[in-house]
Amino acid sequence: MTPPAALFTVATFDTVAEALVVQALLDADGIDVTLLNAGLIGLDWSFSQALGGIRLVVRQPQAERAAVLLRAYRDNALTAVDETGAPPPVERCERCGSDDIVIHAPRRRSALLVAFTLIFDVMFPVRSSLRSCRACGHRWSVDD
């Protein structure tokens, strides 16, 4: 019987949320990740300092790849891709093609609709979001 590979701490985190984000990132790349102390710190965050934070540990053969991905995450150098490996499409202005787009929040609902939704548990469709181009000033709406 061969001994199990040694575990290496690749990173420590103060919050469970960030640790889970990085765990998901490494899991998506096929790296087996374990979070130590996440449960206890999740119950009482003040234990984080006493325990040395939430430890993200991986097996020795995957430690180098995990460290590379973690550096890219911390340097904000990761790019999103879909199953085909293509980056997500960039939204562009319908008129001039610029990618300098402002997304405006949907308009507020009236108090009557909000009350009706809360009382009768009925959902109303969300209005389309308004977009505007900073380059040419063109405005258009997109259904969410």
C-alpha atoms as a PDB file:
ATOM      1  CA  MET A   1       0.000   0.000   0.000  1.00  0.00           C
ATOM      2  CA  THR A   2       1.390   3.377  -1.006  1.00  0.00           C
ATOM      3  CA  PRO A   3       1.151   6.264   1.431  1.00  0.00           C
ATOM      4  CA  PRO A   4      -1.196   9.100   0.489  1.00  0.00           C
ATOM      5  CA  ALA A   5       0.335  12.174  -1.096  1.00  0.00           C
ATOM      6  CA  ALA A   6       1.216  14.931   1.324  1.00  0.00           C
ATOM      7  CA  LEU A   7      -1.135  17.884   1.620  1.00  0.00           C
ATOM      8  CA  PHE A   8       0.189  21.386   1.037  1.00  0.00           C
ATOM      9  CA  THR A   9      -1.394  24.639   2.149  1.00  0.00           C
ATOM     10  CA  VAL A  10      -1.616  26.757  -0.974  1.00  0.00           C
ATOM     11  CA  ALA A  11      -3.424  29.741   0.565  1.00  0.00           C
ATOM     12  CA  THR A  12      -5.196  30.986   3.667  1.00  0.00           C
ATOM     13  CA  PHE A  13      -8.325  33.153   3.755  1.00  0.00           C
ATOM     14  CA  ASP A  14     -10.092  35.221   6.390  1.00  0.00           C
ATOM     15  CA  THR A  15     -13.576  34.699   4.968  1.00  0.00           C
ATOM     16  CA  VAL A  16     -15.444  31.570   3.955  1.00  0.00           C
ATOM     17  CA  ALA A  17     -16.844  33.306   0.867  1.00  0.00           C
ATOM     18  CA  GLU A  18     -13.461  33.950  -0.740  1.00  0.00           C
ATOM     19  CA  ALA A  19     -12.219  30.486   0.193  1.00  0.00           C
ATOM     20  CA  LEU A  20     -15.241  28.934  -1.525  1.00  0.00           C
ATOM     21  CA  VAL A  21     -14.697  31.022  -4.659  1.00  0.00           C
ATOM     22  CA  VAL A  22     -11.088  29.842  -4.931  1.00  0.00           C
ATOM     23  CA  GLN A  23     -12.115  26.266  -4.129  1.00  0.00           C
ATOM     24  CA  ALA A  24     -14.609  26.372  -7.009  1.00  0.00           C
ATOM     25  CA  LEU A  25     -11.953  27.831  -9.311  1.00  0.00           C
ATOM     26  CA  LEU A  26      -9.514  25.030  -8.540  1.00  0.00           C
ATOM     27  CA  ASP A  27     -12.228  22.347  -8.642  1.00  0.00           C
ATOM     28  CA  ALA A  28     -13.193  23.553 -12.124  1.00  0.00           C
ATOM     29  CA  ASP A  29      -9.612  22.933 -13.215  1.00  0.00           C
ATOM     30  CA  GLY A  30      -9.673  19.387 -11.852  1.00  0.00           C
ATOM     31  CA  ILE A  31      -7.638  20.056  -8.714  1.00  0.00           C
ATOM     32  CA  ASP A  32      -8.806  18.253  -5.558  1.00  0.00           C
ATOM     33  CA  VAL A  33      -9.148  20.930  -2.894  1.00  0.00           C
ATOM     34  CA  THR A  34      -9.904  20.728   0.811  1.00  0.00           C
ATOM     35  CA  LEU A  35     -10.770  23.670   3.038  1.00  0.00           C
ATOM     36  CA  LEU A  36      -9.629  23.318   6.633  1.00  0.00           C
ATOM     37  CA  ASN A  37     -11.267  25.306   9.467  1.00  0.00           C
ATOM     38  CA  ALA A  38     -14.005  26.622   7.122  1.00  0.00           C
ATOM     39  CA  GLY A  39     -16.839  25.194   9.211  1.00  0.00           C
ATOM     40  CA  LEU A  40     -15.621  26.619  12.500  1.00  0.00           C
ATOM     41  CA  ILE A  41     -14.747  30.022  11.060  1.00  0.00           C
ATOM     42  CA  GLY A  42     -18.100  30.051   9.254  1.00  0.00           C
ATOM     43  CA  LEU A  43     -19.826  29.699  12.615  1.00  0.00           C
ATOM     44  CA  ASP A  44     -17.751  32.380  14.316  1.00  0.00           C
ATOM     45  CA  TRP A  45     -15.438  34.507  12.192  1.00  0.00           C
ATOM     46  CA  SER A  46     -13.471  35.650  15.241  1.00  0.00           C
ATOM     47  CA  PHE A  47     -11.770  32.233  15.275  1.00  0.00           C
ATOM     48  CA  SER A  48     -10.097  33.099  11.980  1.00  0.00           C
ATOM     49  CA  GLN A  49      -7.137  34.861  13.597  1.00  0.00           C
ATOM     50  CA  ALA A  50      -6.696  32.223  16.287  1.00  0.00           C
ATOM     51  CA  LEU A  51      -6.718  29.331  13.795  1.00  0.00           C
ATOM     52  CA  GLY A  52      -4.622  31.042  11.160  1.00  0.00           C
ATOM     53  CA  GLY A  53      -7.509  31.476   8.738  1.00  0.00           C
ATOM     54  CA  ILE A  54      -9.185  29.026   6.420  1.00  0.00           C
ATOM     55  CA  ARG A  55      -6.505  26.820   4.895  1.00  0.00           C
ATOM     56  CA  LEU A  56      -6.847  25.714   1.293  1.00  0.00           C
ATOM     57  CA  VAL A  57      -4.892  22.485   0.909  1.00  0.00           C
ATOM     58  CA  VAL A  58      -4.150  20.348  -2.149  1.00  0.00           C
ATOM     59  CA  ARG A  59      -2.167  17.158  -2.758  1.00  0.00           C
ATOM     60  CA  GLN A  60       1.523  17.554  -3.567  1.00  0.00           C
ATOM     61  CA  PRO A  61       1.324  16.683  -7.300  1.00  0.00           C
ATOM     62  CA  GLN A  62      -1.304  19.416  -7.834  1.00  0.00           C
ATOM     63  CA  ALA A  63       0.267  22.089  -5.635  1.00  0.00           C
ATOM     64  CA  GLU A  64       2.221  23.855  -8.382  1.00  0.00           C
ATOM     65  CA  ARG A  65      -0.776  24.106 -10.738  1.00  0.00           C
ATOM     66  CA  ALA A  66      -2.952  25.335  -7.853  1.00  0.00           C
ATOM     67  CA  ALA A  67      -0.394  28.019  -6.980  1.00  0.00           C
ATOM     68  CA  VAL A  68      -0.316  29.222 -10.611  1.00  0.00           C
ATOM     69  CA  LEU A  69      -4.125  29.500 -10.731  1.00  0.00           C
ATOM     70  CA  LEU A  70      -4.203  31.237  -7.357  1.00  0.00           C
ATOM     71  CA  ARG A  71      -1.633  33.814  -8.539  1.00  0.00           C
ATOM     72  CA  ALA A  72      -3.701  34.446 -11.673  1.00  0.00           C
ATOM     73  CA  TYR A  73      -6.829  34.853  -9.526  1.00  0.00           C
ATOM     74  CA  ARG A  74      -5.134  37.312  -7.177  1.00  0.00           C
ATOM     75  CA  ASP A  75      -3.600  39.257 -10.085  1.00  0.00           C
ATOM     76  CA  ASN A  76      -7.054  39.443 -11.703  1.00  0.00           C
ATOM     77  CA  ALA A  77      -5.566  37.753 -14.779  1.00  0.00           C
ATOM     78  CA  LEU A  78      -8.214  35.061 -15.267  1.00  0.00           C
ATOM     79  CA  THR A  79     -10.553  35.240 -18.243  1.00  0.00           C
ATOM     80  CA  ALA A  80     -13.903  33.530 -18.396  1.00  0.00           C
ATOM     81  CA  VAL A  81     -14.462  30.918 -21.095  1.00  0.00           C
ATOM     82  CA  ASP A  82     -17.365  28.660 -21.959  1.00  0.00           C
ATOM     83  CA  GLU A  83     -17.289  24.954 -22.820  1.00  0.00           C
ATOM     84  CA  THR A  84     -15.918  25.697 -26.302  1.00  0.00           C
ATOM     85  CA  GLY A  85     -12.979  27.637 -24.860  1.00  0.00           C
ATOM     86  CA  ALA A  86     -14.174  30.934 -26.340  1.00  0.00           C
ATOM     87  CA  PRO A  87     -14.223  34.087 -24.190  1.00  0.00           C
ATOM     88  CA  PRO A  88     -17.649  35.554 -23.400  1.00  0.00           C
ATOM     89  CA  PRO A  89     -19.038  37.918 -26.021  1.00  0.00           C
ATOM     90  CA  VAL A  90     -18.504  41.615 -25.436  1.00  0.00           C
ATOM     91  CA  GLU A  91     -21.651  43.695 -25.608  1.00  0.00           C
ATOM     92  CA  ARG A  92     -21.336  46.411 -28.221  1.00  0.00           C
ATOM     93  CA  CYS A  93     -23.331  49.448 -29.279  1.00  0.00           C
ATOM     94  CA  GLU A  94     -25.900  48.693 -31.977  1.00  0.00           C
ATOM     95  CA  ARG A  95     -25.060  51.918 -33.816  1.00  0.00           C
ATOM     96  CA  CYS A  96     -21.286  52.491 -33.616  1.00  0.00           C
ATOM     97  CA  GLY A  97     -19.932  49.132 -32.364  1.00  0.00           C
ATOM     98  CA  SER A  98     -18.189  50.610 -29.308  1.00  0.00           C
ATOM     99  CA  ASP A  99     -17.796  48.426 -26.211  1.00  0.00           C
ATOM    100  CA  ASP A 100     -18.029  51.443 -23.865  1.00  0.00           C
ATOM    101  CA  ILE A 101     -21.549  50.575 -22.684  1.00  0.00           C
ATOM    102  CA  VAL A 102     -23.442  51.762 -19.598  1.00  0.00           C
ATOM    103  CA  ILE A 103     -26.089  49.390 -18.204  1.00  0.00           C
ATOM    104  CA  HIS A 104     -28.904  51.214 -16.429  1.00  0.00           C
ATOM    105  CA  ALA A 105     -30.993  49.472 -13.754  1.00  0.00           C
ATOM    106  CA  PRO A 106     -34.620  48.675 -14.539  1.00  0.00           C
ATOM    107  CA  ARG A 107     -37.138  51.297 -13.517  1.00  0.00           C
ATOM    108  CA  ARG A 108     -38.691  51.041 -10.079  1.00  0.00           C
ATOM    109  CA  ARG A 109     -41.970  49.250  -9.664  1.00  0.00           C
ATOM    110  CA  SER A 110     -44.870  51.036  -8.117  1.00  0.00           C
ATOM    111  CA  ALA A 111     -45.586  50.448  -4.439  1.00  0.00           C
ATOM    112  CA  LEU A 112     -48.890  48.823  -5.382  1.00  0.00           C
ATOM    113  CA  LEU A 113     -47.169  46.156  -7.502  1.00  0.00           C
ATOM    114  CA  VAL A 114     -44.631  45.475  -4.756  1.00  0.00           C
ATOM    115  CA  ALA A 115     -47.403  45.102  -2.163  1.00  0.00           C
ATOM    116  CA  PHE A 116     -49.395  42.847  -4.500  1.00  0.00           C
ATOM    117  CA  THR A 117     -46.303  40.676  -5.031  1.00  0.00           C
ATOM    118  CA  LEU A 118     -45.637  40.364  -1.310  1.00  0.00           C
ATOM    119  CA  ILE A 119     -49.238  39.654  -0.311  1.00  0.00           C
ATOM    120  CA  PHE A 120     -50.293  37.297  -3.091  1.00  0.00           C
ATOM    121  CA  ASP A 121     -46.889  35.814  -3.952  1.00  0.00           C
ATOM    122  CA  VAL A 122     -47.286  36.661  -7.629  1.00  0.00           C
ATOM    123  CA  MET A 123     -44.255  37.570  -9.711  1.00  0.00           C
ATOM    124  CA  PHE A 124     -44.319  40.159 -12.464  1.00  0.00           C
ATOM    125  CA  PRO A 125     -41.868  40.118 -15.362  1.00  0.00           C
ATOM    126  CA  VAL A 126     -38.844  42.352 -15.013  1.00  0.00           C
ATOM    127  CA  ARG A 127     -38.732  45.233 -17.445  1.00  0.00           C
ATOM    128  CA  SER A 128     -35.934  45.307 -19.935  1.00  0.00           C
ATOM    129  CA  SER A 129     -32.672  46.940 -18.974  1.00  0.00           C
ATOM    130  CA  LEU A 130     -31.695  50.129 -20.698  1.00  0.00           C
ATOM    131  CA  ARG A 131     -28.258  50.413 -22.292  1.00  0.00           C
ATOM    132  CA  SER A 132     -26.473  53.514 -23.511  1.00  0.00           C
ATOM    133  CA  CYS A 133     -23.262  54.055 -25.427  1.00  0.00           C
ATOM    134  CA  ARG A 134     -20.773  56.559 -24.061  1.00  0.00           C
ATOM    135  CA  ALA A 135     -19.138  56.967 -27.476  1.00  0.00           C
ATOM    136  CA  CYS A 136     -22.171  57.970 -29.574  1.00  0.00           C
ATOM    137  CA  GLY A 137     -24.968  58.450 -27.002  1.00  0.00           C
ATOM    138  CA  HIS A 138     -27.237  55.808 -28.557  1.00  0.00           C
ATOM    139  CA  ARG A 139     -29.773  54.267 -26.120  1.00  0.00           C
ATOM    140  CA  TRP A 140     -31.537  50.890 -26.449  1.00  0.00           C
ATOM    141  CA  SER A 141     -33.223  48.284 -24.268  1.00  0.00           C
ATOM    142  CA  VAL A 142     -32.420  44.611 -23.831  1.00  0.00           C
ATOM    143  CA  ASP A 143     -34.739  41.991 -22.345  1.00  0.00           C
ATOM    144  CA  ASP A 144     -33.111  40.275 -19.368  1.00  0.00           C
END
